[in-house]
Protein backbone atom coordinates (compact mmCIF):
# COMPACT_ATOMS: atom_id res chain seq x y z
CA UNK A 1 -44.19 -22.04 -63.14
CA UNK A 2 -40.71 -23.34 -63.96
CA UNK A 3 -40.32 -26.35 -66.19
CA UNK A 4 -40.16 -29.66 -64.38
CA UNK A 5 -37.13 -31.86 -64.93
CA UNK A 6 -38.19 -34.76 -67.16
CA UNK A 7 -36.62 -38.00 -66.00
CA UNK A 8 -36.54 -41.48 -67.46
CA UNK A 9 -36.12 -44.27 -64.94
CA UNK A 10 -34.48 -47.59 -65.81
CA UNK A 11 -35.31 -50.42 -63.40
CA UNK A 12 -35.11 -54.20 -63.29
CA UNK A 13 -36.56 -55.13 -59.91
CA UNK A 14 -39.07 -54.18 -57.25
CA UNK A 15 -38.68 -50.45 -57.70
CA UNK A 16 -38.50 -49.16 -54.13
CA UNK A 17 -36.20 -46.31 -55.15
CA UNK A 18 -38.57 -45.59 -58.02
CA UNK A 19 -41.40 -45.40 -55.48
CA UNK A 20 -39.45 -42.93 -53.36
CA UNK A 21 -38.98 -40.73 -56.42
CA UNK A 22 -42.66 -41.04 -57.35
CA UNK A 23 -43.69 -40.06 -53.82
CA UNK A 24 -41.47 -36.97 -53.82
CA UNK A 25 -42.75 -35.92 -57.24
CA UNK A 26 -46.32 -36.27 -55.99
CA UNK A 27 -45.83 -34.33 -52.75
CA UNK A 28 -44.07 -31.49 -54.56
CA UNK A 29 -40.69 -31.76 -52.86
CA UNK A 30 -39.09 -32.95 -56.10
CA UNK A 31 -39.46 -30.60 -59.06
CA UNK A 32 -39.48 -33.39 -61.61
CA UNK A 33 -41.83 -35.55 -63.61
CA UNK A 34 -41.19 -39.15 -64.57
CA UNK A 35 -41.68 -39.26 -68.32
CA UNK A 36 -41.21 -43.01 -68.69
CA UNK A 37 -40.16 -46.08 -66.71
CA UNK A 38 -38.29 -48.65 -68.78
CA UNK A 39 -37.40 -52.15 -67.65
CA UNK A 40 -35.58 -55.07 -69.20
CA UNK A 41 -37.52 -57.49 -66.99
CA UNK A 42 -41.20 -58.16 -67.79
CA UNK A 43 -41.75 -59.28 -64.17
CA UNK A 44 -40.29 -56.17 -62.57
CA UNK A 45 -42.32 -54.76 -59.71
CA UNK A 46 -41.32 -51.30 -60.93
CA UNK A 47 -43.87 -51.70 -63.74
CA UNK A 48 -46.71 -52.07 -61.23
CA UNK A 49 -45.54 -49.10 -59.18
CA UNK A 50 -45.31 -46.89 -62.25
CA UNK A 51 -48.65 -48.09 -63.60
CA UNK A 52 -50.42 -47.27 -60.33
CA UNK A 53 -48.99 -43.76 -60.53
CA UNK A 54 -50.17 -43.30 -64.11
CA UNK A 55 -46.65 -43.22 -65.51
CA UNK A 56 -45.88 -44.50 -68.99
CA UNK A 57 -44.05 -47.84 -68.89
CA UNK A 58 -42.11 -49.81 -71.43
CA UNK A 59 -40.55 -53.26 -71.25
CA UNK A 60 -37.59 -53.80 -73.55
CA UNK A 61 -36.48 -57.34 -72.78
CA UNK A 62 -32.75 -57.69 -73.38
CA UNK A 63 -33.27 -61.39 -74.10
CA UNK A 64 -35.01 -60.45 -77.32
CA UNK A 65 -31.80 -58.95 -78.72
CA UNK A 66 -28.89 -60.96 -80.09
CA UNK A 67 -26.56 -57.97 -79.94
CA UNK A 68 -25.95 -55.85 -76.84
CA UNK A 69 -25.67 -52.72 -78.98
CA UNK A 70 -29.14 -53.26 -80.46
CA UNK A 71 -30.69 -53.44 -76.97
CA UNK A 72 -28.86 -50.32 -75.85
CA UNK A 73 -29.89 -48.40 -78.96
CA UNK A 74 -33.51 -49.42 -78.44
CA UNK A 75 -33.53 -48.15 -74.84
CA UNK A 76 -31.77 -44.93 -75.80
CA UNK A 77 -34.29 -44.27 -78.57
CA UNK A 78 -37.18 -44.78 -76.14
CA UNK A 79 -35.62 -42.31 -73.71
CA UNK A 80 -35.06 -39.79 -76.49
CA UNK A 81 -38.62 -40.25 -77.74
CA UNK A 82 -39.80 -39.45 -74.20
CA UNK A 83 -37.70 -36.26 -74.31
CA UNK A 84 -36.02 -36.92 -70.97
CA UNK A 85 -33.56 -34.50 -69.41
CA UNK A 86 -32.02 -37.02 -67.01
CA UNK A 87 -31.68 -40.82 -66.96
CA UNK A 88 -32.06 -42.33 -63.49
CA UNK A 89 -30.92 -45.88 -62.81
CA UNK A 90 -32.99 -47.49 -60.08
CA UNK A 91 -31.85 -51.07 -59.71
CA UNK A 92 -31.21 -51.48 -63.43
CA UNK A 93 -29.28 -54.74 -63.67
CA UNK A 94 -27.53 -54.03 -66.93
CA UNK A 95 -24.13 -52.41 -67.34
CA UNK A 96 -24.46 -48.98 -68.90
CA UNK A 97 -22.37 -48.77 -72.04
CA UNK A 98 -20.86 -45.93 -74.00
CA UNK A 99 -24.02 -45.83 -76.11
CA UNK A 100 -25.93 -44.35 -73.16
CA UNK A 101 -23.11 -42.05 -72.12
CA UNK A 102 -22.75 -40.61 -75.62
CA UNK A 103 -26.51 -40.05 -75.89
CA UNK A 104 -26.85 -38.46 -72.42
CA UNK A 105 -23.45 -37.00 -71.44
CA UNK A 106 -23.35 -36.24 -67.70
CA UNK A 107 -27.08 -36.93 -67.61
CA UNK A 108 -27.10 -40.53 -66.33
CA UNK A 109 -27.05 -41.10 -62.57
CA UNK A 110 -27.05 -44.15 -60.35
CA UNK A 111 -27.31 -44.99 -56.66
CA UNK A 112 -24.96 -47.60 -55.24
CA UNK A 113 -25.37 -49.27 -51.81
CA UNK A 114 -21.85 -48.59 -50.58
CA UNK A 115 -19.57 -45.66 -49.89
CA UNK A 116 -17.73 -45.43 -53.18
CA UNK A 117 -14.98 -45.82 -54.14
CA UNK A 118 -15.12 -48.73 -51.65
CA UNK A 119 -16.95 -51.86 -52.78
CA UNK A 120 -18.08 -51.17 -56.35
CA UNK A 121 -20.05 -53.78 -58.27
CA UNK A 122 -22.35 -56.43 -56.82
CA UNK A 123 -22.80 -58.14 -53.43
CA UNK A 124 -21.44 -55.15 -51.56
CA UNK A 125 -23.08 -55.72 -48.15
CA UNK A 126 -21.43 -59.13 -47.59
CA UNK A 127 -18.12 -57.56 -48.62
CA UNK A 128 -18.50 -54.73 -46.11
CA UNK A 129 -19.23 -57.23 -43.34
CA UNK A 130 -16.43 -59.60 -44.38
CA UNK A 131 -13.93 -56.74 -44.42
CA UNK A 132 -14.99 -55.60 -40.97
CA UNK A 133 -16.04 -52.16 -42.23
CA UNK A 134 -17.40 -49.99 -39.41
CA UNK A 135 -19.49 -47.85 -41.75
CA UNK A 136 -21.31 -48.36 -45.01
CA UNK A 137 -23.95 -46.34 -46.82
CA UNK A 138 -25.02 -45.27 -50.28
CA UNK A 139 -23.61 -43.10 -53.04
CA UNK A 140 -25.41 -41.16 -55.77
CA UNK A 141 -23.05 -40.69 -58.68
CA UNK A 142 -22.87 -39.85 -62.34
CA UNK A 143 -22.33 -42.84 -64.61
CA UNK A 144 -19.19 -42.99 -66.69
CA UNK A 145 -17.49 -45.80 -68.61
CA UNK A 146 -16.43 -47.75 -65.52
CA UNK A 147 -18.24 -49.81 -62.90
CA UNK A 148 -19.44 -47.37 -60.21
CA UNK A 149 -16.55 -45.01 -60.95
CA UNK A 150 -18.37 -41.81 -61.92
CA UNK A 151 -18.18 -38.49 -60.04
CA UNK A 152 -19.92 -38.57 -56.66
CA UNK A 153 -22.93 -36.30 -56.13
CA UNK A 154 -24.07 -37.27 -52.64
CA UNK A 155 -23.47 -39.88 -49.95
CA UNK A 156 -25.20 -41.10 -46.80
CA UNK A 157 -23.49 -43.08 -44.03
CA UNK A 158 -24.85 -45.85 -41.79
CA UNK A 159 -23.02 -47.86 -39.12
CA UNK A 160 -22.28 -51.54 -39.59
CA UNK A 161 -23.51 -53.19 -36.40
CA UNK A 162 -21.83 -56.19 -34.77
CA UNK A 163 -24.81 -58.46 -35.36
CA UNK A 164 -25.56 -57.27 -38.90
CA UNK A 165 -26.31 -59.69 -41.68
CA UNK A 166 -26.13 -58.68 -45.30
CA UNK A 167 -29.92 -58.30 -45.25
CA UNK A 168 -30.15 -56.10 -42.16
CA UNK A 169 -27.34 -53.89 -43.40
CA UNK A 170 -28.97 -53.63 -46.83
CA UNK A 171 -32.27 -52.59 -45.22
CA UNK A 172 -30.57 -49.83 -43.21
CA UNK A 173 -28.83 -48.55 -46.33
CA UNK A 174 -32.04 -48.68 -48.35
CA UNK A 175 -33.73 -46.31 -45.92
CA UNK A 176 -31.06 -43.75 -46.74
CA UNK A 177 -31.27 -44.44 -50.48
CA UNK A 178 -34.94 -43.46 -50.41
CA UNK A 179 -34.01 -40.09 -48.89
CA UNK A 180 -30.79 -39.42 -50.75
CA UNK A 181 -31.74 -40.25 -54.34
CA UNK A 182 -34.69 -37.83 -54.61
CA UNK A 183 -32.62 -35.11 -52.93
CA UNK A 184 -29.77 -35.52 -55.42
CA UNK A 185 -32.26 -35.35 -58.31
CA UNK A 186 -33.71 -32.17 -56.82
CA UNK A 187 -30.27 -30.54 -56.75
CA UNK A 188 -29.96 -31.35 -60.46
CA UNK A 189 -33.49 -30.04 -61.11
CA UNK A 190 -32.49 -26.76 -59.46
CA UNK A 191 -29.52 -26.45 -61.83
CA UNK A 192 -27.08 -26.49 -58.94
CA UNK A 193 -24.91 -29.44 -60.02
CA UNK A 194 -21.95 -29.36 -62.38
CA UNK A 195 -19.04 -31.72 -62.98
CA UNK A 196 -15.45 -30.50 -62.87
CA UNK A 197 -13.18 -33.45 -63.63
CA UNK A 198 -13.81 -36.00 -60.90
CA UNK A 199 -15.47 -33.43 -58.65
CA UNK A 200 -19.16 -32.60 -58.48
CA UNK A 201 -19.66 -28.96 -57.57
CA UNK A 202 -22.95 -27.91 -55.96
CA UNK A 203 -23.69 -24.19 -56.15
CA UNK A 204 -24.64 -22.64 -53.88
CA UNK A 205 -22.97 -25.18 -51.66
CA UNK A 206 -25.08 -27.24 -49.28
CA UNK A 207 -23.99 -26.99 -45.64
CA UNK A 208 -21.98 -30.10 -44.76
CA UNK A 209 -22.82 -32.41 -41.90
CA UNK A 210 -20.15 -31.57 -39.34
CA UNK A 211 -20.83 -34.32 -36.81
CA UNK A 212 -17.98 -36.82 -36.55
CA UNK A 213 -18.92 -40.48 -36.78
CA UNK A 214 -16.96 -43.06 -34.79
CA UNK A 215 -17.80 -46.75 -34.63
CA UNK A 216 -17.41 -48.23 -32.06
CA UNK A 217 -18.04 -45.15 -29.97
CA UNK A 218 -15.04 -43.58 -28.24
CA UNK A 219 -17.35 -42.96 -25.27
CA UNK A 220 -18.12 -46.62 -24.68
């Protein structure tokens, strides 16, 4: 039996993407094991989800640290102690600094609820609606020194509907996040992902989706 990819998950909130990863690990479609779930928020729902799955959890509250670097070093040490191969951000509401990148080069990934490079940062669904975007979606990417600027691994697209609110659009995107994030991790677990400059190369290549998307429909 091949070695499972050991992942450490950083989360700050309810942990629905964490749950999607847990579910795929449990049903065998994701060749990974979650070594530890770390949160900076003692009230994070991710702690309950991990606990129910028998996963080791750790709360490192950033408010207990006077220096940002000390918090980062503490989290990095916990990840290293857990011997993780990959760091997975799942709603971790802290900016990843160079401390993490140096400790886990090209081994930190994130999922963002927009089609990067459009709408990086926070509050992206209201921005998509305000700009009149016809499509939105989610992006799995490697984390680098910028804000949502790392090389893109995988994306999923959803339409922005005329009557969408930020909440309804976010819910539609989240459905795709739950499918896309575990799949991107699986590609890494299979050793198929490498970074070449700004490009992520997947070998052997996955067949692309060839269907054109037009919104509003040209047939209407």
